[in-house]
Amino acid sequence: MASAAIVLRRTSWHDHFDPETWLLRWHRLGNAVAWDVSGQPMLCMNMLGDEDASTKLRGELDWGGNRNLLRRWMAAHRPVSAFGQIGARA
């Protein structure tokens, strides 16, 4: 008797979340990232770009704690200016 095998393919929802790759995709859509005065990262959407694609990409953050992973990664990789880290307290 022959056995049948079912092959399951991984989708992007099951792949390991990579904050750096996600941010590259975010920037390719014409969007930006900024830091508020308290040092928290903010995602800024370009309203002249592909708003639907940006909304779908942003939706990936709502799955499986990805938003927290992105926030922690961005805090660890905050850009440094001539005056020290942006949002750093004196």
Protein backbone atom coordinates (compact mmCIF):
# COMPACT_ATOMS: atom_id res chain seq x y z
CA MET A 1 0.00 0.00 0.00
CA ALA A 2 1.39 3.38 -0.99
CA SER A 3 1.40 6.13 1.57
CA ALA A 4 0.45 9.67 0.70
CA ALA A 5 2.45 12.56 2.05
CA ILE A 6 1.15 16.02 2.65
CA VAL A 7 3.65 18.80 2.23
CA LEU A 8 3.01 21.96 4.18
CA ARG A 9 4.66 25.13 2.98
CA ARG A 10 5.64 27.81 5.38
CA THR A 11 4.03 31.17 4.87
CA SER A 12 5.28 34.56 5.93
CA TRP A 13 3.01 34.33 8.99
CA HIS A 14 4.96 31.29 10.21
CA ASP A 15 8.43 32.52 9.39
CA HIS A 16 10.67 33.99 12.05
CA PHE A 17 10.07 37.74 12.31
CA ASP A 18 13.14 39.72 11.27
CA PRO A 19 12.84 43.39 12.33
CA GLU A 20 15.60 44.57 10.00
CA THR A 21 13.98 42.99 6.93
CA TRP A 22 10.59 44.36 7.97
CA LEU A 23 12.02 47.88 8.24
CA LEU A 24 13.65 47.57 4.79
CA ARG A 25 10.27 46.63 3.34
CA TRP A 26 8.71 49.57 5.22
CA HIS A 27 11.26 52.01 3.75
CA ARG A 28 10.87 50.60 0.21
CA LEU A 29 7.21 51.63 0.35
CA GLY A 30 8.33 55.23 0.97
CA ASN A 31 7.61 55.20 4.69
CA ALA A 32 9.85 56.41 7.50
CA VAL A 33 10.72 55.79 11.13
CA ALA A 34 11.13 58.56 13.70
CA TRP A 35 11.65 58.80 17.44
CA ASP A 36 9.47 60.90 19.71
CA VAL A 37 10.82 63.09 22.51
CA SER A 38 10.73 60.20 24.99
CA GLY A 39 12.82 58.03 22.67
CA GLN A 40 10.01 55.72 21.57
CA PRO A 41 10.03 54.69 17.89
CA MET A 42 7.18 55.85 15.65
CA LEU A 43 6.22 54.44 12.25
CA CYS A 44 5.37 57.24 9.81
CA MET A 45 3.32 56.33 6.73
CA ASN A 46 3.78 58.12 3.41
CA MET A 47 0.25 59.04 2.33
CA LEU A 48 1.44 59.58 -1.26
CA GLY A 49 2.75 56.02 -1.47
CA ASP A 50 1.00 52.65 -1.59
CA GLU A 51 -1.24 53.03 1.42
CA ASP A 52 -2.83 49.56 1.09
CA ALA A 53 0.55 47.80 0.99
CA SER A 54 1.74 49.84 3.98
CA THR A 55 -1.39 48.93 5.94
CA LYS A 56 -0.92 45.22 5.17
CA LEU A 57 2.73 45.39 6.15
CA ARG A 58 1.83 47.17 9.36
CA GLY A 59 -0.69 44.38 10.02
CA GLU A 60 2.20 41.91 10.31
CA LEU A 61 3.16 43.68 13.54
CA ASP A 62 -0.13 42.64 15.15
CA TRP A 63 0.71 38.94 14.89
CA GLY A 64 2.57 36.94 17.51
CA GLY A 65 4.22 39.78 19.43
CA ASN A 66 6.04 41.16 16.39
CA ARG A 67 5.35 44.75 17.47
CA ASN A 68 7.28 44.20 20.71
CA LEU A 69 10.15 42.51 18.86
CA LEU A 70 10.36 45.47 16.47
CA ARG A 71 10.23 47.99 19.33
CA ARG A 72 13.03 46.22 21.22
CA TRP A 73 15.17 45.91 18.07
CA MET A 74 14.67 49.60 17.22
CA ALA A 75 15.57 50.65 20.77
CA ALA A 76 18.79 48.65 20.55
CA HIS A 77 19.66 50.08 17.11
CA ARG A 78 18.70 53.70 17.73
CA PRO A 79 20.73 56.10 15.58
CA VAL A 80 23.40 58.16 17.27
CA SER A 81 23.73 61.87 16.55
CA ALA A 82 26.48 64.36 17.40
CA PHE A 83 24.68 64.99 20.70
CA GLY A 84 24.46 61.33 21.73
CA GLN A 85 21.55 58.98 21.34
CA ILE A 86 18.28 60.44 20.22
CA GLY A 87 15.88 60.42 23.12
CA ALA A 88 18.59 59.79 25.70
CA ARG A 89 18.09 61.58 28.98
CA ALA A 90 20.81 63.84 30.29
